[in-house]
Amino acid sequence: MRQWARRGTRPRQPADQRYKSAYLFGAICPARGIAAGLALPFADTEAMQLHLDEISRHVARRAHAVLLLDRAGWPPPPN
């Protein structure tokens, strides 16, 4: 959204309240054709633990899982 303002000033911009956000956590095993995923309203350490718990329910017994992360930071917590 664009807003014109006089140079050197900082105009107030209302937050767009039309949309809600969701954070997607997902994992796949192409060899077995299975997946595990969660859609959560937040992304933090607790959400990551829920995701790891979900993955662990789908990994075969005595198998290994490799987790690759994209180095994205956690968003600030909601007010």
C-alpha atoms as a PDB file:
ATOM      1  CA  MET A   1       0.000   0.000   0.000  1.00  0.00           C
ATOM      2  CA  ARG A   2       1.451   3.380  -0.979  1.00  0.00           C
ATOM      3  CA  GLN A   3       0.992   6.601   0.885  1.00  0.00           C
ATOM      4  CA  TRP A   4       2.331  10.010  -0.079  1.00  0.00           C
ATOM      5  CA  ALA A   5       3.961  12.157   2.574  1.00  0.00           C
ATOM      6  CA  ARG A   6       6.087  15.263   2.814  1.00  0.00           C
ATOM      7  CA  ARG A   7       9.804  14.504   2.645  1.00  0.00           C
ATOM      8  CA  GLY A   8      11.329  14.088   6.101  1.00  0.00           C
ATOM      9  CA  THR A   9       8.046  13.119   7.771  1.00  0.00           C
ATOM     10  CA  ARG A  10       6.863   9.695   8.838  1.00  0.00           C
ATOM     11  CA  PRO A  11       3.139   9.266   8.096  1.00  0.00           C
ATOM     12  CA  ARG A  12       0.983   6.914  10.120  1.00  0.00           C
ATOM     13  CA  GLN A  13      -0.012   3.854   8.170  1.00  0.00           C
ATOM     14  CA  PRO A  14      -2.883   1.745   9.508  1.00  0.00           C
ATOM     15  CA  ALA A  15      -2.221  -1.995   9.604  1.00  0.00           C
ATOM     16  CA  ASP A  16      -4.079  -4.077   7.053  1.00  0.00           C
ATOM     17  CA  GLN A  17      -6.498  -6.201   9.096  1.00  0.00           C
ATOM     18  CA  ARG A  18      -8.104  -8.008   6.156  1.00  0.00           C
ATOM     19  CA  TYR A  19      -5.898 -11.098   6.338  1.00  0.00           C
ATOM     20  CA  LYS A  20      -4.813 -13.622   8.936  1.00  0.00           C
ATOM     21  CA  SER A  21      -1.433 -15.338   8.791  1.00  0.00           C
ATOM     22  CA  ALA A  22      -0.546 -18.990   9.166  1.00  0.00           C
ATOM     23  CA  TYR A  23       2.864 -20.582   9.421  1.00  0.00           C
ATOM     24  CA  LEU A  24       3.353 -23.854   7.564  1.00  0.00           C
ATOM     25  CA  PHE A  25       5.659 -26.568   8.833  1.00  0.00           C
ATOM     26  CA  GLY A  26       6.117 -29.565   6.557  1.00  0.00           C
ATOM     27  CA  ALA A  27       8.265 -32.600   5.926  1.00  0.00           C
ATOM     28  CA  ILE A  28       8.206 -35.282   3.234  1.00  0.00           C
ATOM     29  CA  CYS A  29       9.723 -38.672   2.571  1.00  0.00           C
ATOM     30  CA  PRO A  30       9.862 -39.120  -1.214  1.00  0.00           C
ATOM     31  CA  ALA A  31      11.049 -42.725  -0.881  1.00  0.00           C
ATOM     32  CA  ARG A  32       8.008 -43.788   1.166  1.00  0.00           C
ATOM     33  CA  GLY A  33       5.553 -41.267  -0.284  1.00  0.00           C
ATOM     34  CA  ILE A  34       4.459 -39.900   3.104  1.00  0.00           C
ATOM     35  CA  ALA A  35       4.350 -36.417   4.569  1.00  0.00           C
ATOM     36  CA  ALA A  36       3.829 -34.668   7.889  1.00  0.00           C
ATOM     37  CA  GLY A  37       2.720 -31.086   8.232  1.00  0.00           C
ATOM     38  CA  LEU A  38       1.165 -28.481  10.484  1.00  0.00           C
ATOM     39  CA  ALA A  39      -0.462 -25.102   9.865  1.00  0.00           C
ATOM     40  CA  LEU A  40      -0.094 -22.978  12.992  1.00  0.00           C
ATOM     41  CA  PRO A  41      -0.999 -19.393  13.903  1.00  0.00           C
ATOM     42  CA  PHE A  42       2.491 -18.780  15.276  1.00  0.00           C
ATOM     43  CA  ALA A  43       6.120 -19.737  14.627  1.00  0.00           C
ATOM     44  CA  ASP A  44       8.316 -20.102  17.675  1.00  0.00           C
ATOM     45  CA  THR A  45      10.232 -22.723  19.622  1.00  0.00           C
ATOM     46  CA  GLU A  46       7.043 -24.438  20.807  1.00  0.00           C
ATOM     47  CA  ALA A  47       5.710 -24.620  17.235  1.00  0.00           C
ATOM     48  CA  MET A  48       8.992 -26.162  16.069  1.00  0.00           C
ATOM     49  CA  GLN A  49       8.755 -28.751  18.844  1.00  0.00           C
ATOM     50  CA  LEU A  50       5.218 -29.637  17.691  1.00  0.00           C
ATOM     51  CA  HIS A  51       6.604 -30.055  14.178  1.00  0.00           C
ATOM     52  CA  LEU A  52       9.458 -32.284  15.375  1.00  0.00           C
ATOM     53  CA  ASP A  53       6.963 -34.379  17.358  1.00  0.00           C
ATOM     54  CA  GLU A  54       4.810 -34.744  14.230  1.00  0.00           C
ATOM     55  CA  ILE A  55       7.805 -35.807  12.138  1.00  0.00           C
ATOM     56  CA  SER A  56       8.845 -38.366  14.765  1.00  0.00           C
ATOM     57  CA  ARG A  57       5.412 -40.012  14.554  1.00  0.00           C
ATOM     58  CA  HIS A  58       5.963 -40.681  10.829  1.00  0.00           C
ATOM     59  CA  VAL A  59       9.622 -41.773  10.731  1.00  0.00           C
ATOM     60  CA  ALA A  60       9.960 -45.548  10.491  1.00  0.00           C
ATOM     61  CA  ARG A  61      11.348 -47.362  13.494  1.00  0.00           C
ATOM     62  CA  ARG A  62      15.166 -47.527  13.431  1.00  0.00           C
ATOM     63  CA  ALA A  63      15.260 -45.042  10.534  1.00  0.00           C
ATOM     64  CA  HIS A  64      17.001 -41.670  10.486  1.00  0.00           C
ATOM     65  CA  ALA A  65      15.524 -38.314   9.540  1.00  0.00           C
ATOM     66  CA  VAL A  66      17.468 -35.367   8.193  1.00  0.00           C
ATOM     67  CA  LEU A  67      16.080 -31.910   8.872  1.00  0.00           C
ATOM     68  CA  LEU A  68      17.085 -28.996   6.624  1.00  0.00           C
ATOM     69  CA  LEU A  69      16.147 -25.496   7.747  1.00  0.00           C
ATOM     70  CA  ASP A  70      16.082 -22.352   5.607  1.00  0.00           C
ATOM     71  CA  ARG A  71      17.616 -20.127   8.305  1.00  0.00           C
ATOM     72  CA  ALA A  72      14.505 -17.970   8.452  1.00  0.00           C
ATOM     73  CA  GLY A  73      14.149 -16.133  11.753  1.00  0.00           C
ATOM     74  CA  TRP A  74      11.119 -16.366  13.989  1.00  0.00           C
ATOM     75  CA  PRO A  75       8.696 -13.476  13.583  1.00  0.00           C
ATOM     76  CA  PRO A  76       8.156 -11.218  16.607  1.00  0.00           C
ATOM     77  CA  PRO A  77       5.504 -12.515  19.009  1.00  0.00           C
ATOM     78  CA  PRO A  78       1.991 -11.069  18.680  1.00  0.00           C
ATOM     79  CA  ASN A  79       1.069  -8.269  21.070  1.00  0.00           C
END
